[in-house]
Amino acid sequence: MLEISQLIAGYGNIKALKTVNLSVPKGTIVSLIGANGAGKTTTMKAIMGMVQPAAGQISFQGHNITGLAVHKVVNRGISLVPEGRSILAQMTVLENLEMGAYQRTDNAVQHDLEKVFARFPILAERRQQPGGTLSGGQQQMLAIGRALMARPKLLLLDEPSMGLAPLVVADIFKVIREINAEGTTILLVEQNVRQAIKIAHYAYVMETGRIVLHGPAAEIANDPRVMEAYLGGRKVC
């Protein structure tokens, strides 16, 4: 579904990505793991058109989307749940969700809104509450719900567990599995490597702007280099 080939991108003279190659097959969860500053978020921003590549190509469903404006990328069927959530703090939960569907012209927006409320009942209870007053976990649910309101074929998740309590993290990853099981392909960036590998079909390891290791998630989980660097020397259970 998504193919990234020889991608170089960054900020001014700083090249955060150095000839990155990455593939996300339809129907899968692919995890992109690595330390802070490895280039994971820049990869997500390049896909979304928020960072303009210096070289390389990004293809989605066989079409070149390299450098497209963000709204055009969303129209193609890609949505991003950004690092830090980026909730519109002064707007209500309902208004935040409606913003996720602002480009849609079909008649199923209300249906999808009810699906989000069914998936996250706490959001239904607080639909008139300002988004900025929600807890961290509730804001993450809102960010995911907002992205789903665009009806994405590919959902990009950037650090969905950041700053959340362990029980909330478990709930978020359960939701990610459910979204994928319902047919949405997912590219997941996550520093919680144990969870990211456990949930994924395939995994990539990024270091200083380069993919240094990739393979089926089960194989990556048992690679001694990954176990030592990210898992405290222990296997993923």
C-alpha atoms as a PDB file:
ATOM      1  CA  MET A   1       0.000   0.000   0.000  1.00  0.00           C
ATOM      2  CA  LEU A   2       2.782   2.448   0.957  1.00  0.00           C
ATOM      3  CA  GLU A   3       6.248   2.386  -0.607  1.00  0.00           C
ATOM      4  CA  ILE A   4       9.079   4.702   0.403  1.00  0.00           C
ATOM      5  CA  SER A   5      12.138   4.570  -1.857  1.00  0.00           C
ATOM      6  CA  GLN A   6      15.532   6.216  -1.296  1.00  0.00           C
ATOM      7  CA  LEU A   7      13.936   8.998   0.748  1.00  0.00           C
ATOM      8  CA  ILE A   8      16.114  11.896   1.855  1.00  0.00           C
ATOM      9  CA  ALA A   9      14.473  14.631   3.920  1.00  0.00           C
ATOM     10  CA  GLY A  10      15.175  17.039   6.742  1.00  0.00           C
ATOM     11  CA  TYR A  11      15.182  20.613   7.922  1.00  0.00           C
ATOM     12  CA  GLY A  12      17.403  23.058   6.079  1.00  0.00           C
ATOM     13  CA  ASN A  13      20.916  21.672   5.911  1.00  0.00           C
ATOM     14  CA  ILE A  14      20.128  18.928   8.429  1.00  0.00           C
ATOM     15  CA  LYS A  15      19.202  15.667   6.705  1.00  0.00           C
ATOM     16  CA  ALA A  16      17.152  13.698   9.225  1.00  0.00           C
ATOM     17  CA  LEU A  17      16.448  10.906   6.699  1.00  0.00           C
ATOM     18  CA  LYS A  18      19.232   9.392   4.606  1.00  0.00           C
ATOM     19  CA  THR A  19      18.026   7.131   1.771  1.00  0.00           C
ATOM     20  CA  VAL A  20      15.196   5.456   3.701  1.00  0.00           C
ATOM     21  CA  ASN A  21      13.396   2.491   2.123  1.00  0.00           C
ATOM     22  CA  LEU A  22      10.224   1.231   3.764  1.00  0.00           C
ATOM     23  CA  SER A  23       7.129  -0.724   2.713  1.00  0.00           C
ATOM     24  CA  VAL A  24       3.711  -1.060   4.362  1.00  0.00           C
ATOM     25  CA  PRO A  25       1.593  -3.856   2.849  1.00  0.00           C
ATOM     26  CA  LYS A  26      -2.178  -3.515   2.818  1.00  0.00           C
ATOM     27  CA  GLY A  27      -3.916  -4.837   5.923  1.00  0.00           C
ATOM     28  CA  THR A  28      -0.828  -4.975   8.127  1.00  0.00           C
ATOM     29  CA  ILE A  29       0.563  -3.181  11.152  1.00  0.00           C
ATOM     30  CA  VAL A  30       4.137  -2.069  10.513  1.00  0.00           C
ATOM     31  CA  SER A  31       6.149  -0.681  13.425  1.00  0.00           C
ATOM     32  CA  LEU A  32       8.997   1.790  13.003  1.00  0.00           C
ATOM     33  CA  ILE A  33      11.170   1.795  16.098  1.00  0.00           C
ATOM     34  CA  GLY A  34      14.288   3.627  17.196  1.00  0.00           C
ATOM     35  CA  ALA A  35      15.723   6.066  19.694  1.00  0.00           C
ATOM     36  CA  ASN A  36      14.871   9.748  19.996  1.00  0.00           C
ATOM     37  CA  GLY A  37      16.230  11.665  17.035  1.00  0.00           C
ATOM     38  CA  ALA A  38      16.416   8.610  14.774  1.00  0.00           C
ATOM     39  CA  GLY A  39      14.138  10.194  12.161  1.00  0.00           C
ATOM     40  CA  LYS A  40      10.867   8.397  12.871  1.00  0.00           C
ATOM     41  CA  THR A  41       8.673  11.491  13.169  1.00  0.00           C
ATOM     42  CA  THR A  42      10.338  13.065  10.133  1.00  0.00           C
ATOM     43  CA  THR A  43       9.362   9.956   8.179  1.00  0.00           C
ATOM     44  CA  MET A  44       5.731  10.446   9.197  1.00  0.00           C
ATOM     45  CA  LYS A  45       5.840  14.139   8.323  1.00  0.00           C
ATOM     46  CA  ALA A  46       7.350  13.395   4.923  1.00  0.00           C
ATOM     47  CA  ILE A  47       4.555  10.939   4.151  1.00  0.00           C
ATOM     48  CA  MET A  48       1.955  13.551   5.124  1.00  0.00           C
ATOM     49  CA  GLY A  49       3.574  16.322   3.088  1.00  0.00           C
ATOM     50  CA  MET A  50       4.569  18.291   6.186  1.00  0.00           C
ATOM     51  CA  VAL A  51       8.254  17.944   5.294  1.00  0.00           C
ATOM     52  CA  GLN A  52       9.347  18.224   1.674  1.00  0.00           C
ATOM     53  CA  PRO A  53      11.772  15.463   0.599  1.00  0.00           C
ATOM     54  CA  ALA A  54      15.062  16.430  -0.964  1.00  0.00           C
ATOM     55  CA  ALA A  55      15.167  13.171  -2.927  1.00  0.00           C
ATOM     56  CA  GLY A  56      13.409   9.832  -3.241  1.00  0.00           C
ATOM     57  CA  GLN A  57       9.793   8.860  -3.728  1.00  0.00           C
ATOM     58  CA  ILE A  58       6.718   8.089  -1.623  1.00  0.00           C
ATOM     59  CA  SER A  59       4.031   6.014  -3.339  1.00  0.00           C
ATOM     60  CA  PHE A  60       0.571   5.212  -2.005  1.00  0.00           C
ATOM     61  CA  GLN A  61      -1.605   2.634  -3.731  1.00  0.00           C
ATOM     62  CA  GLY A  62       0.632   2.883  -6.788  1.00  0.00           C
ATOM     63  CA  HIS A  63       0.490   6.675  -7.055  1.00  0.00           C
ATOM     64  CA  ASN A  64       3.370   9.052  -6.409  1.00  0.00           C
ATOM     65  CA  ILE A  65       2.427  11.347  -3.502  1.00  0.00           C
ATOM     66  CA  THR A  66       5.886  12.796  -2.905  1.00  0.00           C
ATOM     67  CA  GLY A  67       5.600  16.412  -1.814  1.00  0.00           C
ATOM     68  CA  LEU A  68       1.806  16.615  -2.082  1.00  0.00           C
ATOM     69  CA  ALA A  69       0.087  19.169   0.145  1.00  0.00           C
ATOM     70  CA  VAL A  70      -1.243  17.765   3.412  1.00  0.00           C
ATOM     71  CA  HIS A  71      -4.921  18.089   2.476  1.00  0.00           C
ATOM     72  CA  LYS A  72      -4.304  16.194  -0.754  1.00  0.00           C
ATOM     73  CA  VAL A  73      -2.544  13.396   1.129  1.00  0.00           C
ATOM     74  CA  VAL A  74      -5.545  13.157   3.467  1.00  0.00           C
ATOM     75  CA  ASN A  75      -7.865  13.036   0.458  1.00  0.00           C
ATOM     76  CA  ARG A  76      -5.863  10.108  -0.903  1.00  0.00           C
ATOM     77  CA  GLY A  77      -6.671   8.156   2.271  1.00  0.00           C
ATOM     78  CA  ILE A  78      -3.888   8.760   4.806  1.00  0.00           C
ATOM     79  CA  SER A  79      -4.444  10.206   8.285  1.00  0.00           C
ATOM     80  CA  LEU A  80      -1.922  11.050  10.998  1.00  0.00           C
ATOM     81  CA  VAL A  81      -2.312  10.872  14.769  1.00  0.00           C
ATOM     82  CA  PRO A  82       0.585  13.203  15.598  1.00  0.00           C
ATOM     83  CA  GLU A  83       3.092  12.999  18.387  1.00  0.00           C
ATOM     84  CA  GLY A  84       1.715  15.060  21.266  1.00  0.00           C
ATOM     85  CA  ARG A  85      -1.860  14.615  19.949  1.00  0.00           C
ATOM     86  CA  SER A  86      -2.344  18.272  18.841  1.00  0.00           C
ATOM     87  CA  ILE A  87      -5.844  18.490  20.278  1.00  0.00           C
ATOM     88  CA  LEU A  88      -7.635  21.780  19.575  1.00  0.00           C
ATOM     89  CA  ALA A  89      -7.826  22.691  23.236  1.00  0.00           C
ATOM     90  CA  GLN A  90     -10.554  25.343  23.138  1.00  0.00           C
ATOM     91  CA  MET A  91     -12.843  23.333  20.869  1.00  0.00           C
ATOM     92  CA  THR A  92     -15.185  20.688  22.198  1.00  0.00           C
ATOM     93  CA  VAL A  93     -14.667  16.964  21.771  1.00  0.00           C
ATOM     94  CA  LEU A  94     -17.408  16.974  19.139  1.00  0.00           C
ATOM     95  CA  GLU A  95     -15.839  19.872  17.254  1.00  0.00           C
ATOM     96  CA  ASN A  96     -12.430  18.178  17.285  1.00  0.00           C
ATOM     97  CA  LEU A  97     -13.982  15.065  15.767  1.00  0.00           C
ATOM     98  CA  GLU A  98     -15.866  17.086  13.176  1.00  0.00           C
ATOM     99  CA  MET A  99     -12.582  18.704  12.145  1.00  0.00           C
ATOM    100  CA  GLY A 100     -11.326  15.244  11.206  1.00  0.00           C
ATOM    101  CA  ALA A 101     -14.085  15.025   8.600  1.00  0.00           C
ATOM    102  CA  TYR A 102     -13.879  18.598   7.321  1.00  0.00           C
ATOM    103  CA  GLN A 103     -12.946  17.547   3.766  1.00  0.00           C
ATOM    104  CA  ARG A 104     -15.624  14.874   3.448  1.00  0.00           C
ATOM    105  CA  THR A 105     -18.696  15.454   1.311  1.00  0.00           C
ATOM    106  CA  ASP A 106     -20.399  12.062   1.727  1.00  0.00           C
ATOM    107  CA  ASN A 107     -23.452  11.317   3.846  1.00  0.00           C
ATOM    108  CA  ALA A 108     -21.811   8.927   6.320  1.00  0.00           C
ATOM    109  CA  VAL A 109     -20.095  11.439   8.611  1.00  0.00           C
ATOM    110  CA  GLN A 110     -22.718  11.096  11.342  1.00  0.00           C
ATOM    111  CA  HIS A 111     -22.502   7.313  11.105  1.00  0.00           C
ATOM    112  CA  ASP A 112     -18.729   7.441  11.557  1.00  0.00           C
ATOM    113  CA  LEU A 113     -19.084   9.866  14.435  1.00  0.00           C
ATOM    114  CA  GLU A 114     -21.325   7.398  16.238  1.00  0.00           C
ATOM    115  CA  LYS A 115     -18.775   4.649  15.554  1.00  0.00           C
ATOM    116  CA  VAL A 116     -16.094   6.749  17.267  1.00  0.00           C
ATOM    117  CA  PHE A 117     -18.376   7.355  20.240  1.00  0.00           C
ATOM    118  CA  ALA A 118     -19.134   3.626  20.420  1.00  0.00           C
ATOM    119  CA  ARG A 119     -15.407   2.831  20.370  1.00  0.00           C
ATOM    120  CA  PHE A 120     -14.626   5.502  22.979  1.00  0.00           C
ATOM    121  CA  PRO A 121     -17.698   5.901  25.225  1.00  0.00           C
ATOM    122  CA  ILE A 122     -15.919   8.471  27.404  1.00  0.00           C
ATOM    123  CA  LEU A 123     -15.793  10.791  24.387  1.00  0.00           C
ATOM    124  CA  ALA A 124     -19.543  10.433  23.934  1.00  0.00           C
ATOM    125  CA  GLU A 125     -20.051  11.373  27.578  1.00  0.00           C
ATOM    126  CA  ARG A 126     -17.829  14.433  27.179  1.00  0.00           C
ATOM    127  CA  ARG A 127     -18.733  15.489  23.666  1.00  0.00           C
ATOM    128  CA  GLN A 128     -19.425  19.092  24.767  1.00  0.00           C
ATOM    129  CA  GLN A 129     -16.319  19.354  26.966  1.00  0.00           C
ATOM    130  CA  PRO A 130     -13.303  21.351  25.686  1.00  0.00           C
ATOM    131  CA  GLY A 131     -10.650  18.992  24.339  1.00  0.00           C
ATOM    132  CA  GLY A 132      -7.932  20.631  26.404  1.00  0.00           C
ATOM    133  CA  THR A 133      -9.617  19.624  29.667  1.00  0.00           C
ATOM    134  CA  LEU A 134      -9.459  15.878  28.944  1.00  0.00           C
ATOM    135  CA  SER A 135      -6.885  13.597  30.533  1.00  0.00           C
ATOM    136  CA  GLY A 136      -3.885  12.466  28.500  1.00  0.00           C
ATOM    137  CA  GLY A 137      -5.449   9.118  27.701  1.00  0.00           C
ATOM    138  CA  GLN A 138      -8.751  10.694  26.709  1.00  0.00           C
ATOM    139  CA  GLN A 139      -6.926  13.165  24.473  1.00  0.00           C
ATOM    140  CA  GLN A 140      -5.162  10.264  22.771  1.00  0.00           C
ATOM    141  CA  MET A 141      -8.531   8.607  22.175  1.00  0.00           C
ATOM    142  CA  LEU A 142      -9.783  11.897  20.742  1.00  0.00           C
ATOM    143  CA  ALA A 143      -6.761  12.206  18.459  1.00  0.00           C
ATOM    144  CA  ILE A 144      -7.308   8.676  17.147  1.00  0.00           C
ATOM    145  CA  GLY A 145     -11.027   9.300  16.728  1.00  0.00           C
ATOM    146  CA  ARG A 146     -10.368  12.538  14.854  1.00  0.00           C
ATOM    147  CA  ALA A 147      -8.026  10.747  12.443  1.00  0.00           C
ATOM    148  CA  LEU A 148     -10.586   7.977  11.882  1.00  0.00           C
ATOM    149  CA  MET A 149     -13.209  10.567  10.956  1.00  0.00           C
ATOM    150  CA  ALA A 150     -11.316  11.087   7.695  1.00  0.00           C
ATOM    151  CA  ARG A 151     -11.969   7.403   6.827  1.00  0.00           C
ATOM    152  CA  PRO A 152      -8.288   6.602   6.215  1.00  0.00           C
ATOM    153  CA  LYS A 153      -7.064   3.561   4.348  1.00  0.00           C
ATOM    154  CA  LEU A 154      -3.688   4.059   6.051  1.00  0.00           C
ATOM    155  CA  LEU A 155      -3.450   5.350   9.620  1.00  0.00           C
ATOM    156  CA  LEU A 156      -0.150   6.801  10.828  1.00  0.00           C
ATOM    157  CA  LEU A 157       0.317   6.717  14.613  1.00  0.00           C
ATOM    158  CA  ASP A 158       3.217   8.707  16.057  1.00  0.00           C
ATOM    159  CA  GLU A 159       4.046   7.753  19.666  1.00  0.00           C
ATOM    160  CA  PRO A 160       0.481   6.947  20.787  1.00  0.00           C
ATOM    161  CA  SER A 161       1.618   5.749  24.229  1.00  0.00           C
ATOM    162  CA  MET A 162       3.679   8.830  25.091  1.00  0.00           C
ATOM    163  CA  GLY A 163       3.043  10.079  28.626  1.00  0.00           C
ATOM    164  CA  LEU A 164       0.269   7.594  29.376  1.00  0.00           C
ATOM    165  CA  ALA A 165      -0.169   5.266  32.354  1.00  0.00           C
ATOM    166  CA  PRO A 166       0.441   1.540  31.679  1.00  0.00           C
ATOM    167  CA  LEU A 167      -3.238   0.590  31.901  1.00  0.00           C
ATOM    168  CA  VAL A 168      -4.161   3.328  29.446  1.00  0.00           C
ATOM    169  CA  VAL A 169      -1.358   2.206  27.113  1.00  0.00           C
ATOM    170  CA  ALA A 170      -2.796  -1.308  27.126  1.00  0.00           C
ATOM    171  CA  ASP A 171      -6.217   0.087  26.161  1.00  0.00           C
ATOM    172  CA  ILE A 172      -4.741   2.180  23.340  1.00  0.00           C
ATOM    173  CA  PHE A 173      -2.888  -0.784  21.849  1.00  0.00           C
ATOM    174  CA  LYS A 174      -6.049  -2.883  22.090  1.00  0.00           C
ATOM    175  CA  VAL A 175      -7.844  -0.219  20.065  1.00  0.00           C
ATOM    176  CA  ILE A 176      -5.021  -0.189  17.493  1.00  0.00           C
ATOM    177  CA  ARG A 177      -5.410  -3.944  17.021  1.00  0.00           C
ATOM    178  CA  GLU A 178      -9.176  -3.545  16.604  1.00  0.00           C
ATOM    179  CA  ILE A 179      -8.799  -0.776  14.012  1.00  0.00           C
ATOM    180  CA  ASN A 180      -6.408  -2.942  12.022  1.00  0.00           C
ATOM    181  CA  ALA A 181      -8.699  -5.992  12.312  1.00  0.00           C
ATOM    182  CA  GLU A 182     -11.495  -3.900  10.808  1.00  0.00           C
ATOM    183  CA  GLY A 183      -9.387  -3.295   7.687  1.00  0.00           C
ATOM    184  CA  THR A 184      -7.270  -0.188   8.261  1.00  0.00           C
ATOM    185  CA  THR A 185      -3.568  -0.501   7.499  1.00  0.00           C
ATOM    186  CA  ILE A 186      -1.314   1.027  10.172  1.00  0.00           C
ATOM    187  CA  LEU A 187       2.190   2.467  10.323  1.00  0.00           C
ATOM    188  CA  LEU A 188       3.155   2.828  13.969  1.00  0.00           C
ATOM    189  CA  VAL A 189       6.024   4.880  15.384  1.00  0.00           C
ATOM    190  CA  GLU A 190       6.545   3.981  19.016  1.00  0.00           C
ATOM    191  CA  GLN A 191       9.308   4.156  21.639  1.00  0.00           C
ATOM    192  CA  ASN A 192       7.567   1.447  23.685  1.00  0.00           C
ATOM    193  CA  VAL A 193       9.397  -1.139  21.618  1.00  0.00           C
ATOM    194  CA  ARG A 194       8.006  -4.140  23.449  1.00  0.00           C
ATOM    195  CA  GLN A 195       4.421  -3.131  22.674  1.00  0.00           C
ATOM    196  CA  ALA A 196       5.252  -1.956  19.154  1.00  0.00           C
ATOM    197  CA  ILE A 197       6.835  -5.264  18.164  1.00  0.00           C
ATOM    198  CA  LYS A 198       4.196  -7.357  19.910  1.00  0.00           C
ATOM    199  CA  ILE A 199       1.409  -5.710  17.937  1.00  0.00           C
ATOM    200  CA  ALA A 200       3.158  -5.572  14.538  1.00  0.00           C
ATOM    201  CA  HIS A 201       3.336  -7.912  11.578  1.00  0.00           C
ATOM    202  CA  TYR A 202       6.573  -6.356  10.345  1.00  0.00           C
ATOM    203  CA  ALA A 203       9.099  -3.999  11.938  1.00  0.00           C
ATOM    204  CA  TYR A 204      11.811  -1.571  10.900  1.00  0.00           C
ATOM    205  CA  VAL A 205      14.612  -0.317  13.146  1.00  0.00           C
ATOM    206  CA  MET A 206      15.853   3.210  12.410  1.00  0.00           C
ATOM    207  CA  GLU A 207      19.100   4.764  13.607  1.00  0.00           C
ATOM    208  CA  THR A 208      20.339   8.269  12.692  1.00  0.00           C
ATOM    209  CA  GLY A 209      18.097   8.560   9.659  1.00  0.00           C
ATOM    210  CA  ARG A 210      18.718   5.105   8.220  1.00  0.00           C
ATOM    211  CA  ILE A 211      16.931   1.757   8.347  1.00  0.00           C
ATOM    212  CA  VAL A 212      19.467  -0.587   9.916  1.00  0.00           C
ATOM    213  CA  LEU A 213      17.308  -3.664  10.376  1.00  0.00           C
ATOM    214  CA  HIS A 214      13.935  -4.907   9.198  1.00  0.00           C
ATOM    215  CA  GLY A 215      11.931  -8.107   9.022  1.00  0.00           C
ATOM    216  CA  PRO A 216       8.897  -9.931  10.409  1.00  0.00           C
ATOM    217  CA  ALA A 217       8.165  -8.601  13.874  1.00  0.00           C
ATOM    218  CA  ALA A 218       8.784 -11.952  15.559  1.00  0.00           C
ATOM    219  CA  GLU A 219      12.269 -12.128  14.041  1.00  0.00           C
ATOM    220  CA  ILE A 220      13.094  -8.534  14.980  1.00  0.00           C
ATOM    221  CA  ALA A 221      11.922  -9.184  18.541  1.00  0.00           C
ATOM    222  CA  ASN A 222      14.421 -12.017  18.892  1.00  0.00           C
ATOM    223  CA  ASP A 223      17.332 -10.255  17.226  1.00  0.00           C
ATOM    224  CA  PRO A 224      20.129  -9.900  19.830  1.00  0.00           C
ATOM    225  CA  ARG A 225      20.829  -6.312  18.758  1.00  0.00           C
ATOM    226  CA  VAL A 226      17.220  -5.262  19.309  1.00  0.00           C
ATOM    227  CA  MET A 227      16.947  -7.180  22.562  1.00  0.00           C
ATOM    228  CA  GLU A 228      20.078  -5.523  23.913  1.00  0.00           C
ATOM    229  CA  ALA A 229      19.352  -1.991  22.693  1.00  0.00           C
ATOM    230  CA  TYR A 230      15.612  -1.736  23.308  1.00  0.00           C
ATOM    231  CA  LEU A 231      14.338  -4.663  25.376  1.00  0.00           C
ATOM    232  CA  GLY A 232      16.796  -4.862  28.250  1.00  0.00           C
ATOM    233  CA  GLY A 233      18.194  -8.087  26.895  1.00  0.00           C
ATOM    234  CA  ARG A 234      14.835  -9.874  27.181  1.00  0.00           C
ATOM    235  CA  LYS A 235      12.625 -11.375  24.516  1.00  0.00           C
ATOM    236  CA  VAL A 236       9.136 -10.092  23.791  1.00  0.00           C
ATOM    237  CA  CYS A 237       6.758 -12.430  25.624  1.00  0.00           C
END
